[in-house]
N, C-alpha and C. Protein backbone atom coordinates (compact mmCIF):
# COMPACT_ATOMS: atom_id res chain seq x y z
N MET A 1 -38.66 131.84 -51.49
CA MET A 1 -39.56 131.30 -50.03
C MET A 1 -40.20 130.24 -50.40
N SER A 2 -39.96 129.52 -48.60
CA SER A 2 -40.12 128.41 -48.54
C SER A 2 -41.34 127.33 -47.89
N LEU A 3 -41.99 126.85 -47.92
CA LEU A 3 -42.90 126.01 -46.96
C LEU A 3 -42.65 125.81 -45.70
N LYS A 4 -43.67 126.83 -44.92
CA LYS A 4 -42.99 126.93 -43.54
C LYS A 4 -44.20 126.03 -43.00
N LEU A 5 -43.63 124.85 -42.12
CA LEU A 5 -44.20 123.79 -41.62
C LEU A 5 -43.62 124.23 -40.22
N THR A 6 -45.57 122.78 -40.01
CA THR A 6 -46.10 123.04 -38.08
C THR A 6 -45.69 121.59 -37.88
N LYS A 7 -45.52 120.85 -39.09
CA LYS A 7 -45.64 118.77 -38.56
C LYS A 7 -44.71 118.43 -39.89
N LEU A 8 -43.94 117.57 -39.97
CA LEU A 8 -43.34 116.53 -40.64
C LEU A 8 -43.91 115.58 -40.44
N GLY A 9 -45.06 114.85 -41.40
CA GLY A 9 -45.14 112.94 -40.95
C GLY A 9 -45.28 112.35 -42.34
N VAL A 10 -44.82 111.10 -42.20
CA VAL A 10 -44.32 109.98 -43.27
C VAL A 10 -45.46 109.56 -42.70
N VAL A 11 -46.05 108.44 -44.05
CA VAL A 11 -47.52 107.71 -44.02
C VAL A 11 -46.88 106.54 -44.80
N LEU A 12 -46.87 105.34 -43.77
CA LEU A 12 -46.47 103.55 -44.06
C LEU A 12 -47.73 103.29 -44.88
N ASP A 13 -47.71 102.20 -45.44
CA ASP A 13 -49.37 101.78 -46.52
C ASP A 13 -49.01 100.46 -45.12
N THR A 14 -49.28 99.58 -45.10
CA THR A 14 -49.46 98.65 -44.43
C THR A 14 -51.15 97.45 -44.42
N ASP A 15 -51.22 96.37 -44.47
CA ASP A 15 -51.63 95.36 -44.03
C ASP A 15 -52.89 95.15 -43.10
N ASN A 16 -52.25 96.00 -41.95
CA ASN A 16 -52.14 95.70 -40.64
C ASN A 16 -51.84 97.04 -39.94
N PRO A 17 -52.23 98.16 -39.95
CA PRO A 17 -52.19 99.69 -39.16
C PRO A 17 -52.43 99.13 -38.30
N ASP A 18 -53.10 98.50 -37.19
CA ASP A 18 -53.31 98.28 -35.41
C ASP A 18 -51.85 96.97 -35.12
N GLU A 19 -51.32 96.07 -36.03
CA GLU A 19 -50.19 95.37 -35.49
C GLU A 19 -49.14 96.57 -36.13
N LEU A 20 -48.60 97.03 -37.03
CA LEU A 20 -47.71 97.43 -36.65
C LEU A 20 -47.80 99.18 -36.38
N ALA A 21 -48.47 99.58 -35.74
CA ALA A 21 -48.73 100.67 -35.19
C ALA A 21 -48.41 100.04 -33.49
N ASP A 22 -49.31 98.37 -32.86
CA ASP A 22 -48.47 98.42 -31.60
C ASP A 22 -47.00 97.59 -31.84
N PHE A 23 -46.21 97.92 -33.03
CA PHE A 23 -44.47 97.55 -33.73
C PHE A 23 -44.24 98.86 -33.32
N TYR A 24 -44.74 99.86 -33.75
CA TYR A 24 -44.14 100.75 -33.51
C TYR A 24 -44.21 102.09 -32.21
N GLU A 25 -45.00 101.51 -31.29
CA GLU A 25 -45.05 101.96 -30.30
C GLU A 25 -43.97 101.13 -29.24
N LYS A 26 -44.42 100.18 -29.05
CA LYS A 26 -43.37 99.75 -28.34
C LYS A 26 -41.38 99.88 -28.77
N LEU A 27 -41.00 99.89 -30.12
CA LEU A 27 -39.95 100.06 -30.86
C LEU A 27 -39.28 101.61 -30.31
N LEU A 28 -40.13 102.87 -30.43
CA LEU A 28 -39.99 104.31 -29.86
C LEU A 28 -40.91 104.47 -29.20
N GLY A 29 -41.33 104.19 -28.50
CA GLY A 29 -41.98 104.68 -26.86
C GLY A 29 -42.90 105.70 -27.11
N TRP A 30 -43.13 106.53 -28.27
CA TRP A 30 -44.16 106.80 -28.93
C TRP A 30 -45.48 107.02 -28.56
N LYS A 31 -46.75 108.42 -28.53
CA LYS A 31 -47.99 107.76 -28.72
C LYS A 31 -48.45 107.56 -29.68
N LYS A 32 -49.84 106.33 -29.75
CA LYS A 32 -50.53 106.57 -30.86
C LYS A 32 -51.79 106.84 -30.41
N ARG A 33 -53.09 106.98 -31.67
CA ARG A 33 -54.51 107.30 -30.82
C ARG A 33 -54.46 106.90 -32.88
N LYS A 34 -55.94 106.44 -32.58
CA LYS A 34 -56.45 106.52 -33.86
C LYS A 34 -56.71 107.45 -34.53
N TYR A 35 -55.76 107.74 -36.29
CA TYR A 35 -56.59 108.37 -37.01
C TYR A 35 -58.04 108.86 -37.93
N THR A 36 -58.31 107.81 -38.43
CA THR A 36 -59.57 107.60 -39.09
C THR A 36 -59.32 106.08 -38.84
N ILE A 37 -60.54 105.89 -39.40
CA ILE A 37 -61.46 104.59 -39.58
C ILE A 37 -59.98 103.62 -40.43
N ASN A 38 -58.94 103.42 -40.99
CA ASN A 38 -58.49 102.90 -41.83
C ASN A 38 -56.57 103.44 -41.04
N SER A 39 -56.43 104.06 -40.43
CA SER A 39 -54.95 104.05 -39.94
C SER A 39 -54.71 105.45 -38.84
N VAL A 40 -53.63 104.84 -38.03
CA VAL A 40 -52.74 104.82 -36.69
C VAL A 40 -52.47 106.36 -36.48
N LEU A 41 -52.19 107.12 -35.62
CA LEU A 41 -51.63 108.78 -36.59
C LEU A 41 -49.79 107.82 -34.69
N PHE A 42 -49.05 108.00 -35.51
CA PHE A 42 -47.95 108.38 -33.79
C PHE A 42 -47.46 109.35 -34.00
N TYR A 43 -46.52 109.70 -32.60
CA TYR A 43 -46.09 111.11 -32.51
C TYR A 43 -45.50 110.50 -31.48
N ASP A 44 -44.20 111.85 -31.26
CA ASP A 44 -43.56 112.00 -30.04
C ASP A 44 -44.05 113.02 -29.04
N PRO A 45 -44.64 112.03 -27.62
CA PRO A 45 -45.64 113.79 -26.72
C PRO A 45 -44.06 114.55 -26.43
N ASP A 46 -43.09 114.45 -25.98
CA ASP A 46 -42.22 115.30 -25.43
C ASP A 46 -41.42 115.60 -26.87
N ASP A 47 -42.13 115.87 -28.81
CA ASP A 47 -41.38 117.03 -29.18
C ASP A 47 -42.49 117.91 -29.81
N GLY A 48 -43.79 117.47 -28.65
CA GLY A 48 -44.72 118.23 -29.36
C GLY A 48 -45.57 118.48 -30.87
N MET A 49 -45.13 117.19 -31.22
CA MET A 49 -45.95 116.77 -32.86
C MET A 49 -45.20 117.27 -33.25
N PRO A 50 -44.26 117.70 -33.54
CA PRO A 50 -43.89 118.14 -35.17
C PRO A 50 -43.00 117.13 -36.04
N PHE A 51 -43.19 115.93 -35.56
CA PHE A 51 -43.37 115.01 -36.93
C PHE A 51 -44.08 113.51 -36.63
N GLN A 52 -44.62 113.52 -37.48
CA GLN A 52 -45.68 112.57 -36.32
C GLN A 52 -45.58 111.45 -37.67
N MET A 53 -46.09 110.01 -37.90
CA MET A 53 -46.22 109.05 -38.63
C MET A 53 -47.52 108.49 -38.56
N ILE A 54 -47.74 108.08 -40.17
CA ILE A 54 -49.33 107.33 -39.94
C ILE A 54 -49.12 105.72 -40.97
N LEU A 55 -49.77 105.18 -39.54
CA LEU A 55 -49.80 103.94 -40.68
C LEU A 55 -51.25 103.65 -41.92
N GLN A 56 -51.07 103.19 -42.39
CA GLN A 56 -52.34 103.28 -43.36
C GLN A 56 -53.07 102.37 -44.30
N TYR A 57 -54.64 101.78 -43.53
CA TYR A 57 -54.39 101.22 -44.72
C TYR A 57 -54.71 100.30 -46.06
N GLU A 58 -54.13 99.61 -46.45
CA GLU A 58 -53.85 99.55 -47.88
C GLU A 58 -54.44 98.37 -47.79
N GLU A 59 -55.46 98.13 -48.81
CA GLU A 59 -56.19 96.38 -49.07
C GLU A 59 -55.89 95.86 -49.90
N ASN A 60 -54.79 95.91 -51.09
CA ASN A 60 -54.39 95.37 -52.03
C ASN A 60 -51.91 95.29 -51.60
N TYR A 61 -52.39 95.93 -50.28
CA TYR A 61 -50.65 95.62 -49.41
C TYR A 61 -49.50 94.81 -50.24
N VAL A 62 -48.10 95.01 -50.73
CA VAL A 62 -47.53 93.77 -50.72
C VAL A 62 -46.81 94.47 -50.16
N ARG A 63 -45.94 93.33 -49.71
CA ARG A 63 -44.72 93.91 -48.34
C ARG A 63 -43.48 93.91 -49.81
N PRO A 64 -42.77 94.92 -49.86
CA PRO A 64 -41.58 95.00 -50.70
C PRO A 64 -40.78 94.57 -50.36
N ALA A 65 -39.85 94.53 -51.94
CA ALA A 65 -38.70 92.74 -51.48
C ALA A 65 -37.28 93.59 -50.66
N TRP A 66 -36.78 93.08 -49.82
CA TRP A 66 -35.32 93.98 -50.21
C TRP A 66 -34.61 92.64 -49.67
N PRO A 67 -33.08 93.31 -50.17
CA PRO A 67 -32.94 94.17 -50.89
C PRO A 67 -33.57 93.92 -52.66
N ALA A 68 -34.05 94.91 -53.24
CA ALA A 68 -34.74 95.20 -54.31
C ALA A 68 -34.33 94.00 -55.55
N ALA A 69 -35.49 94.08 -56.18
CA ALA A 69 -34.90 92.68 -56.76
C ALA A 69 -36.16 92.41 -57.90
N SER A 70 -35.48 92.22 -59.05
CA SER A 70 -36.57 92.74 -60.49
C SER A 70 -38.15 92.31 -60.23
N GLY A 71 -38.89 92.36 -60.35
CA GLY A 71 -40.08 91.74 -60.83
C GLY A 71 -41.43 92.06 -59.78
N GLN A 72 -40.35 92.61 -58.25
CA GLN A 72 -40.83 92.15 -57.11
C GLN A 72 -41.62 93.53 -56.90
N GLN A 73 -41.86 93.71 -56.14
CA GLN A 73 -42.80 95.23 -55.25
C GLN A 73 -41.60 95.93 -54.42
N GLN A 74 -41.07 97.06 -55.07
CA GLN A 74 -39.85 97.64 -54.84
C GLN A 74 -40.19 98.51 -53.49
N GLN A 75 -39.79 98.72 -52.55
CA GLN A 75 -39.50 99.83 -51.12
C GLN A 75 -39.51 101.26 -52.21
N MET A 76 -40.07 101.72 -51.41
CA MET A 76 -41.21 103.49 -51.84
C MET A 76 -39.94 104.67 -51.19
N ALA A 77 -39.62 104.22 -49.44
CA ALA A 77 -39.10 105.12 -48.83
C ALA A 77 -38.32 103.92 -47.70
N HIS A 78 -37.32 104.77 -46.71
CA HIS A 78 -37.49 104.23 -45.65
C HIS A 78 -36.87 104.60 -45.13
N LEU A 79 -36.78 104.36 -43.37
CA LEU A 79 -36.91 105.09 -42.33
C LEU A 79 -35.39 104.79 -41.38
N ASP A 80 -34.38 105.92 -41.40
CA ASP A 80 -33.53 105.97 -40.80
C ASP A 80 -33.66 105.81 -39.15
N PHE A 81 -33.65 105.73 -38.10
CA PHE A 81 -33.42 105.65 -36.48
C PHE A 81 -32.09 106.03 -36.06
N PHE A 82 -31.15 107.80 -36.16
CA PHE A 82 -30.15 107.38 -34.74
C PHE A 82 -29.98 107.45 -33.48
N VAL A 83 -29.15 106.10 -33.47
CA VAL A 83 -29.02 105.95 -31.57
C VAL A 83 -27.96 105.81 -31.35
N GLU A 84 -27.60 106.38 -29.75
CA GLU A 84 -26.42 106.28 -28.99
C GLU A 84 -25.29 105.12 -29.93
N ASN A 85 -26.05 103.79 -29.21
CA ASN A 85 -25.34 102.44 -29.71
C ASN A 85 -26.62 101.66 -30.01
N VAL A 86 -25.77 101.73 -32.16
CA VAL A 86 -26.45 100.48 -32.93
C VAL A 86 -27.00 98.89 -32.07
N GLU A 87 -26.05 98.27 -31.54
CA GLU A 87 -25.70 97.11 -30.54
C GLU A 87 -27.15 97.28 -29.85
N HIS A 88 -27.64 98.27 -29.37
CA HIS A 88 -28.60 98.56 -28.37
C HIS A 88 -29.63 98.70 -28.57
N GLY A 89 -29.53 99.46 -29.88
CA GLY A 89 -30.59 99.56 -30.97
C GLY A 89 -31.28 98.24 -31.50
N VAL A 90 -30.50 98.06 -32.24
CA VAL A 90 -31.06 96.33 -33.09
C VAL A 90 -31.66 95.35 -31.41
N ALA A 91 -30.81 95.22 -31.02
CA ALA A 91 -31.51 93.87 -29.74
C ALA A 91 -32.84 94.50 -29.87
N HIS A 92 -32.48 96.12 -29.14
CA HIS A 92 -34.75 96.66 -28.52
C HIS A 92 -35.07 95.95 -30.05
N ALA A 93 -35.11 96.85 -31.50
CA ALA A 93 -35.80 97.06 -32.38
C ALA A 93 -35.93 95.16 -32.52
N LEU A 94 -35.10 94.21 -32.43
CA LEU A 94 -35.74 92.33 -31.88
C LEU A 94 -36.69 91.96 -31.79
N SER A 95 -36.59 92.91 -30.00
CA SER A 95 -37.32 92.46 -28.73
C SER A 95 -38.34 92.51 -28.95
N CYS A 96 -38.87 93.78 -30.27
CA CYS A 96 -40.44 94.14 -30.32
C CYS A 96 -40.49 93.85 -31.85
N GLY A 97 -39.82 92.91 -32.45
CA GLY A 97 -41.15 92.51 -33.54
C GLY A 97 -40.26 92.10 -34.81
N ALA A 98 -39.43 93.23 -35.18
CA ALA A 98 -37.88 93.20 -36.22
C ALA A 98 -37.66 92.22 -36.66
N VAL A 99 -36.64 92.18 -37.96
CA VAL A 99 -36.37 91.19 -38.11
C VAL A 99 -34.53 91.72 -38.45
N LEU A 100 -34.02 91.31 -38.71
CA LEU A 100 -32.51 91.64 -39.10
C LEU A 100 -32.29 91.53 -40.61
N SER A 101 -32.44 92.20 -41.55
CA SER A 101 -31.92 91.43 -42.95
C SER A 101 -30.68 91.08 -43.29
N PRO A 102 -31.69 90.07 -44.21
CA PRO A 102 -30.25 88.98 -44.02
C PRO A 102 -29.06 89.84 -44.86
N ILE A 103 -29.37 90.91 -45.76
CA ILE A 103 -29.06 91.41 -46.37
C ILE A 103 -28.04 92.58 -45.39
N GLN A 104 -26.43 92.77 -45.37
CA GLN A 104 -26.23 93.87 -45.07
C GLN A 104 -25.30 94.99 -45.89
N PHE A 105 -25.40 95.78 -45.78
CA PHE A 105 -23.84 97.14 -47.06
C PHE A 105 -22.94 97.41 -46.19
N SER A 106 -23.39 97.33 -44.81
CA SER A 106 -21.76 98.63 -43.79
C SER A 106 -22.29 97.57 -42.19
N ASP A 107 -21.08 97.88 -42.28
CA ASP A 107 -20.38 97.48 -40.38
C ASP A 107 -21.04 98.23 -39.89
N ALA A 108 -21.61 100.06 -40.42
CA ALA A 108 -21.90 100.70 -39.39
C ALA A 108 -22.70 101.31 -39.17
N TYR A 109 -24.31 100.18 -39.76
CA TYR A 109 -26.15 100.24 -39.18
C TYR A 109 -25.90 98.80 -39.52
N ARG A 110 -27.65 98.71 -39.25
CA ARG A 110 -27.70 98.28 -39.79
C ARG A 110 -29.06 97.68 -40.22
N VAL A 111 -29.27 97.25 -41.56
CA VAL A 111 -30.45 97.23 -41.70
C VAL A 111 -31.79 96.09 -41.40
N MET A 112 -32.97 96.97 -40.63
CA MET A 112 -33.79 96.69 -40.38
C MET A 112 -35.36 95.92 -40.75
N LEU A 113 -36.09 95.14 -40.85
CA LEU A 113 -37.78 95.14 -41.60
C LEU A 113 -38.26 94.75 -40.58
N ASP A 114 -39.92 95.69 -40.79
CA ASP A 114 -40.64 95.72 -39.68
C ASP A 114 -41.66 94.61 -39.97
N PRO A 115 -42.58 95.11 -38.83
CA PRO A 115 -43.62 93.65 -39.55
C PRO A 115 -44.39 93.32 -40.40
N ALA A 116 -44.09 94.83 -41.63
CA ALA A 116 -45.21 94.78 -42.98
C ALA A 116 -44.13 94.60 -43.96
N GLY A 117 -42.58 94.57 -43.53
CA GLY A 117 -41.89 93.99 -44.41
C GLY A 117 -41.28 96.15 -44.82
N HIS A 118 -41.68 96.48 -44.46
CA HIS A 118 -40.97 98.55 -44.44
C HIS A 118 -39.11 97.68 -43.75
N PRO A 119 -38.08 98.27 -44.89
CA PRO A 119 -36.92 98.15 -44.19
C PRO A 119 -36.54 99.21 -43.12
N PHE A 120 -36.11 100.06 -42.06
CA PHE A 120 -35.60 100.92 -41.82
C PHE A 120 -34.03 100.64 -41.61
N CYS A 121 -33.36 101.55 -41.06
CA CYS A 121 -31.38 101.44 -40.55
C CYS A 121 -31.89 101.61 -38.82
N ILE A 122 -30.94 100.76 -38.41
CA ILE A 122 -30.37 101.77 -36.98
C ILE A 122 -28.97 102.15 -37.35
N CYS A 123 -28.80 103.47 -37.51
CA CYS A 123 -28.20 104.28 -37.52
C CYS A 123 -27.03 104.71 -36.34
N PRO A 124 -25.96 104.99 -36.01
CA PRO A 124 -25.15 105.75 -35.16
C PRO A 124 -24.83 107.29 -34.97
N GLU A 125 -25.76 107.89 -34.36
CA GLU A 125 -25.42 109.23 -33.77
C GLU A 125 -24.40 109.93 -34.93
């Protein structure tokens, strides 16, 4: 027996959900709406909402270190975005406010950081 999903969501903590929401709205072109007083929900309107991202306020949020460093806040997860053209995807992410990580582990994909420091990758299909 398996869990029958109607949606799949990921929650990212941040000290500024509205700022991070503006970034992901530009990056993905998804719709956003206030979810609770302390969080913002994102979803792809063309996909019937099977996947959603929630940006949740955390008063004690600490930006994760990337790459991982001993004694510093570690990332708990990262997002991979698969695109037709990595170079164009990186340029778009930069124009939305992402930064390119100074450390890259492959020529095939690019590690980026969102405004709250969450790492994500722009990957080829």
